Amino acid sequence: MAVGSNLGDRLQNIQTVQQKLNTSEIKVLRTSPFYETQALCRPDQDFMPDFLNGVFEVKTSLSPEALLNAIEKIERDMGRTSKSDWSPRVIDLDILFYGDQIIDTAHLQIPHPEIQNRWFVLKPLSDLIPDFKHPLLLKTVQQLLSELT
């Protein structure tokens, strides 16, 4: 699961979300190092604060859809008002993989469709699971990171 924050005390926001994730149905097993990355801005935006990004390895008894509902509730509870791209956010959580499952519905895509394009996801993923093979692209996380330009 990818985690990022670019508003307020970013590290505290990430630590808070980690605590909120640890329930009877979700356990954070490992946490990657965190990386500060420049936020991508819309053409009409002058500035957006830098992100602090990382990855959580989680174990869950929830279905992928139920996990998505749980993390979206956490985001709302922490003050996230919009899921639209290009906006600053207290917290952002994305399901990257769910084992080797492939899910493509109107509300949920797993693997996350932008993994291979995002250094701020691939780098922390490579710290935790460098040899994990993307179930659609059939390349390891480390290979995807090395191919990213």
C-alpha atoms as a PDB file:
ATOM      1  CA  MET A   1       0.000   0.000   0.000  1.00  0.00           C
ATOM      2  CA  ALA A   2       1.405   3.376  -0.995  1.00  0.00           C
ATOM      3  CA  VAL A   3       1.238   6.214   1.511  1.00  0.00           C
ATOM      4  CA  GLY A   4       1.932   9.885   0.995  1.00  0.00           C
ATOM      5  CA  SER A   5       1.354  13.255   2.628  1.00  0.00           C
ATOM      6  CA  ASN A   6       2.100  16.841   1.660  1.00  0.00           C
ATOM      7  CA  LEU A   7       0.119  18.874   4.178  1.00  0.00           C
ATOM      8  CA  GLY A   8       0.843  19.540   7.824  1.00  0.00           C
ATOM      9  CA  ASP A   9       3.282  17.359   9.725  1.00  0.00           C
ATOM     10  CA  ARG A  10       3.787  14.806   6.971  1.00  0.00           C
ATOM     11  CA  LEU A  11       5.655  12.242   9.067  1.00  0.00           C
ATOM     12  CA  GLN A  12       3.109  12.486  11.879  1.00  0.00           C
ATOM     13  CA  ASN A  13       0.292  12.053   9.338  1.00  0.00           C
ATOM     14  CA  ILE A  14       1.925   8.859   8.039  1.00  0.00           C
ATOM     15  CA  GLN A  15       2.529   7.546  11.562  1.00  0.00           C
ATOM     16  CA  THR A  16      -1.110   8.280  12.452  1.00  0.00           C
ATOM     17  CA  VAL A  17      -2.402   6.432   9.402  1.00  0.00           C
ATOM     18  CA  GLN A  18      -0.164   3.477  10.243  1.00  0.00           C
ATOM     19  CA  GLN A  19      -1.753   3.317  13.699  1.00  0.00           C
ATOM     20  CA  LYS A  20      -5.253   3.605  12.207  1.00  0.00           C
ATOM     21  CA  LEU A  21      -4.519   0.776   9.758  1.00  0.00           C
ATOM     22  CA  ASN A  22      -3.604  -1.609  12.557  1.00  0.00           C
ATOM     23  CA  THR A  23      -6.991  -3.142  13.362  1.00  0.00           C
ATOM     24  CA  SER A  24      -8.278  -6.662  13.826  1.00  0.00           C
ATOM     25  CA  GLU A  25      -8.635  -6.881  10.032  1.00  0.00           C
ATOM     26  CA  ILE A  26      -5.471  -5.091   8.849  1.00  0.00           C
ATOM     27  CA  LYS A  27      -1.903  -5.335  10.127  1.00  0.00           C
ATOM     28  CA  VAL A  28       1.043  -3.295   8.912  1.00  0.00           C
ATOM     29  CA  LEU A  29       3.868  -5.826   8.667  1.00  0.00           C
ATOM     30  CA  ARG A  30       6.684  -3.633   7.340  1.00  0.00           C
ATOM     31  CA  THR A  31       7.279  -0.016   6.405  1.00  0.00           C
ATOM     32  CA  SER A  32       9.665   1.227   3.747  1.00  0.00           C
ATOM     33  CA  PRO A  33      11.938   4.197   4.220  1.00  0.00           C
ATOM     34  CA  PHE A  34      10.201   7.467   3.383  1.00  0.00           C
ATOM     35  CA  TYR A  35      11.258   9.661   0.495  1.00  0.00           C
ATOM     36  CA  GLU A  36      10.632  13.350  -0.042  1.00  0.00           C
ATOM     37  CA  THR A  37       9.474  13.986  -3.590  1.00  0.00           C
ATOM     38  CA  GLN A  38       8.449  17.055  -5.509  1.00  0.00           C
ATOM     39  CA  ALA A  39       4.716  17.266  -6.056  1.00  0.00           C
ATOM     40  CA  LEU A  40       3.447  17.213  -9.604  1.00  0.00           C
ATOM     41  CA  CYS A  41       1.413  20.336 -10.349  1.00  0.00           C
ATOM     42  CA  ARG A  42      -1.313  21.072 -12.849  1.00  0.00           C
ATOM     43  CA  PRO A  43      -0.306  23.582 -15.524  1.00  0.00           C
ATOM     44  CA  ASP A  44      -2.402  26.237 -13.752  1.00  0.00           C
ATOM     45  CA  GLN A  45      -0.768  25.596 -10.354  1.00  0.00           C
ATOM     46  CA  ASP A  46       2.278  27.563  -9.297  1.00  0.00           C
ATOM     47  CA  PHE A  47       3.270  25.473  -6.307  1.00  0.00           C
ATOM     48  CA  MET A  48       2.330  22.484  -4.237  1.00  0.00           C
ATOM     49  CA  PRO A  49       4.204  21.319  -1.120  1.00  0.00           C
ATOM     50  CA  ASP A  50       6.590  18.363  -1.454  1.00  0.00           C
ATOM     51  CA  PHE A  51       5.333  14.897  -0.581  1.00  0.00           C
ATOM     52  CA  LEU A  52       6.697  12.407   1.893  1.00  0.00           C
ATOM     53  CA  ASN A  53       6.078   8.973   0.335  1.00  0.00           C
ATOM     54  CA  GLY A  54       6.540   5.387   1.372  1.00  0.00           C
ATOM     55  CA  VAL A  55       5.007   1.939   1.260  1.00  0.00           C
ATOM     56  CA  PHE A  56       3.379  -0.271   3.877  1.00  0.00           C
ATOM     57  CA  GLU A  57       3.338  -4.033   3.530  1.00  0.00           C
ATOM     58  CA  VAL A  58       0.030  -5.117   5.034  1.00  0.00           C
ATOM     59  CA  LYS A  59      -1.753  -8.349   5.812  1.00  0.00           C
ATOM     60  CA  THR A  60      -5.528  -8.250   5.747  1.00  0.00           C
ATOM     61  CA  SER A  61      -8.566 -10.468   6.048  1.00  0.00           C
ATOM     62  CA  LEU A  62     -10.566  -7.907   4.057  1.00  0.00           C
ATOM     63  CA  SER A  63     -11.476  -8.345   0.417  1.00  0.00           C
ATOM     64  CA  PRO A  64      -9.848  -5.844  -1.947  1.00  0.00           C
ATOM     65  CA  GLU A  65     -13.078  -3.823  -2.143  1.00  0.00           C
ATOM     66  CA  ALA A  66     -13.517  -3.804   1.639  1.00  0.00           C
ATOM     67  CA  LEU A  67      -9.864  -2.768   2.046  1.00  0.00           C
ATOM     68  CA  LEU A  68     -10.439   0.129  -0.357  1.00  0.00           C
ATOM     69  CA  ASN A  69     -13.485   1.217   1.650  1.00  0.00           C
ATOM     70  CA  ALA A  70     -11.484   1.036   4.885  1.00  0.00           C
ATOM     71  CA  ILE A  71      -8.594   3.144   3.586  1.00  0.00           C
ATOM     72  CA  GLU A  72     -10.920   5.701   2.005  1.00  0.00           C
ATOM     73  CA  LYS A  73     -12.663   6.074   5.382  1.00  0.00           C
ATOM     74  CA  ILE A  74      -9.288   6.644   7.065  1.00  0.00           C
ATOM     75  CA  GLU A  75      -8.438   9.291   4.449  1.00  0.00           C
ATOM     76  CA  ARG A  76     -11.757  11.079   5.075  1.00  0.00           C
ATOM     77  CA  ASP A  77     -11.359  10.804   8.858  1.00  0.00           C
ATOM     78  CA  MET A  78      -7.935  12.454   8.548  1.00  0.00           C
ATOM     79  CA  GLY A  79      -9.328  15.370   6.565  1.00  0.00           C
ATOM     80  CA  ARG A  80      -9.018  14.360   2.930  1.00  0.00           C
ATOM     81  CA  THR A  81     -11.886  16.026   1.129  1.00  0.00           C
ATOM     82  CA  SER A  82     -11.190  15.091  -2.486  1.00  0.00           C
ATOM     83  CA  LYS A  83      -9.844  12.068  -4.311  1.00  0.00           C
ATOM     84  CA  SER A  84      -9.112  14.177  -7.373  1.00  0.00           C
ATOM     85  CA  ASP A  85      -5.570  14.262  -8.662  1.00  0.00           C
ATOM     86  CA  TRP A  86      -3.356  17.307  -8.373  1.00  0.00           C
ATOM     87  CA  SER A  87      -4.554  18.462  -4.986  1.00  0.00           C
ATOM     88  CA  PRO A  88      -2.580  18.739  -1.747  1.00  0.00           C
ATOM     89  CA  ARG A  89      -3.566  16.119   0.784  1.00  0.00           C
ATOM     90  CA  VAL A  90      -3.087  15.302   4.429  1.00  0.00           C
ATOM     91  CA  ILE A  91      -2.908  11.636   3.515  1.00  0.00           C
ATOM     92  CA  ASP A  92      -3.082   9.553   0.381  1.00  0.00           C
ATOM     93  CA  LEU A  93      -3.386   5.765   0.449  1.00  0.00           C
ATOM     94  CA  ASP A  94      -3.385   3.509  -2.608  1.00  0.00           C
ATOM     95  CA  ILE A  95      -3.603  -0.251  -2.909  1.00  0.00           C
ATOM     96  CA  LEU A  96      -0.695  -1.222  -5.141  1.00  0.00           C
ATOM     97  CA  PHE A  97      -0.947  -5.008  -5.174  1.00  0.00           C
ATOM     98  CA  TYR A  98      -3.181  -7.593  -3.546  1.00  0.00           C
ATOM     99  CA  GLY A  99      -0.982 -10.647  -3.812  1.00  0.00           C
ATOM    100  CA  ASP A 100      -0.945 -11.558  -7.479  1.00  0.00           C
ATOM    101  CA  GLN A 101      -4.622 -10.771  -8.039  1.00  0.00           C
ATOM    102  CA  ILE A 102      -5.758  -8.702 -11.000  1.00  0.00           C
ATOM    103  CA  ILE A 103      -8.881  -6.615 -10.415  1.00  0.00           C
ATOM    104  CA  ASP A 104     -10.383  -4.180 -12.889  1.00  0.00           C
ATOM    105  CA  THR A 105     -13.674  -2.628 -11.866  1.00  0.00           C
ATOM    106  CA  ALA A 106     -15.098   0.857 -12.209  1.00  0.00           C
ATOM    107  CA  HIS A 107     -13.954   1.691  -8.663  1.00  0.00           C
ATOM    108  CA  LEU A 108     -10.804  -0.389  -8.188  1.00  0.00           C
ATOM    109  CA  GLN A 109      -7.818  -1.377 -10.302  1.00  0.00           C
ATOM    110  CA  ILE A 110      -5.198  -3.754  -8.907  1.00  0.00           C
ATOM    111  CA  PRO A 111      -2.336  -3.665  -9.619  1.00  0.00           C
ATOM    112  CA  HIS A 112      -2.460   0.111  -9.394  1.00  0.00           C
ATOM    113  CA  PRO A 113      -2.298   1.277 -13.035  1.00  0.00           C
ATOM    114  CA  GLU A 114       0.462   3.871 -12.486  1.00  0.00           C
ATOM    115  CA  ILE A 115       3.014   1.835 -10.498  1.00  0.00           C
ATOM    116  CA  GLN A 116       5.453   1.554 -13.378  1.00  0.00           C
ATOM    117  CA  ASN A 117       5.446   5.339 -13.916  1.00  0.00           C
ATOM    118  CA  ARG A 118       6.069   6.491 -10.354  1.00  0.00           C
ATOM    119  CA  TRP A 119       9.520   6.602  -8.817  1.00  0.00           C
ATOM    120  CA  PHE A 120       7.978   7.588  -5.476  1.00  0.00           C
ATOM    121  CA  VAL A 121       6.156   4.231  -5.458  1.00  0.00           C
ATOM    122  CA  LEU A 122       8.761   1.996  -7.075  1.00  0.00           C
ATOM    123  CA  LYS A 123      11.682   3.135  -4.912  1.00  0.00           C
ATOM    124  CA  PRO A 124      10.054   2.329  -1.553  1.00  0.00           C
ATOM    125  CA  LEU A 125       8.534  -0.842  -3.032  1.00  0.00           C
ATOM    126  CA  SER A 126      12.004  -1.931  -4.116  1.00  0.00           C
ATOM    127  CA  ASP A 127      13.183  -1.477  -0.536  1.00  0.00           C
ATOM    128  CA  LEU A 128      10.598  -4.028   0.649  1.00  0.00           C
ATOM    129  CA  ILE A 129       9.874  -6.391  -2.240  1.00  0.00           C
ATOM    130  CA  PRO A 130      12.440  -5.909  -5.035  1.00  0.00           C
ATOM    131  CA  ASP A 131      11.850  -9.379  -6.502  1.00  0.00           C
ATOM    132  CA  PHE A 132       8.033  -9.240  -6.477  1.00  0.00           C
ATOM    133  CA  LYS A 133       6.765  -9.741 -10.025  1.00  0.00           C
ATOM    134  CA  HIS A 134       4.059  -7.372 -11.289  1.00  0.00           C
ATOM    135  CA  PRO A 135       1.235  -9.764 -12.294  1.00  0.00           C
ATOM    136  CA  LEU A 136       0.396  -7.881 -15.503  1.00  0.00           C
ATOM    137  CA  LEU A 137       3.749  -6.522 -16.631  1.00  0.00           C
ATOM    138  CA  LEU A 138       5.621  -9.697 -15.592  1.00  0.00           C
ATOM    139  CA  LYS A 139       8.620  -7.683 -14.415  1.00  0.00           C
ATOM    140  CA  THR A 140      10.001  -7.384 -10.912  1.00  0.00           C
ATOM    141  CA  VAL A 141       9.690  -4.176  -8.945  1.00  0.00           C
ATOM    142  CA  GLN A 142      13.456  -3.755  -9.276  1.00  0.00           C
ATOM    143  CA  GLN A 143      13.259  -4.149 -13.067  1.00  0.00           C
ATOM    144  CA  LEU A 144      10.454  -1.569 -13.275  1.00  0.00           C
ATOM    145  CA  LEU A 145      12.479   0.855 -11.175  1.00  0.00           C
ATOM    146  CA  SER A 146      15.583   0.390 -13.309  1.00  0.00           C
ATOM    147  CA  GLU A 147      13.574   1.015 -16.504  1.00  0.00           C
ATOM    148  CA  LEU A 148      11.991   4.202 -15.214  1.00  0.00           C
ATOM    149  CA  THR A 149      13.405   7.274 -16.940  1.00  0.00           C
END
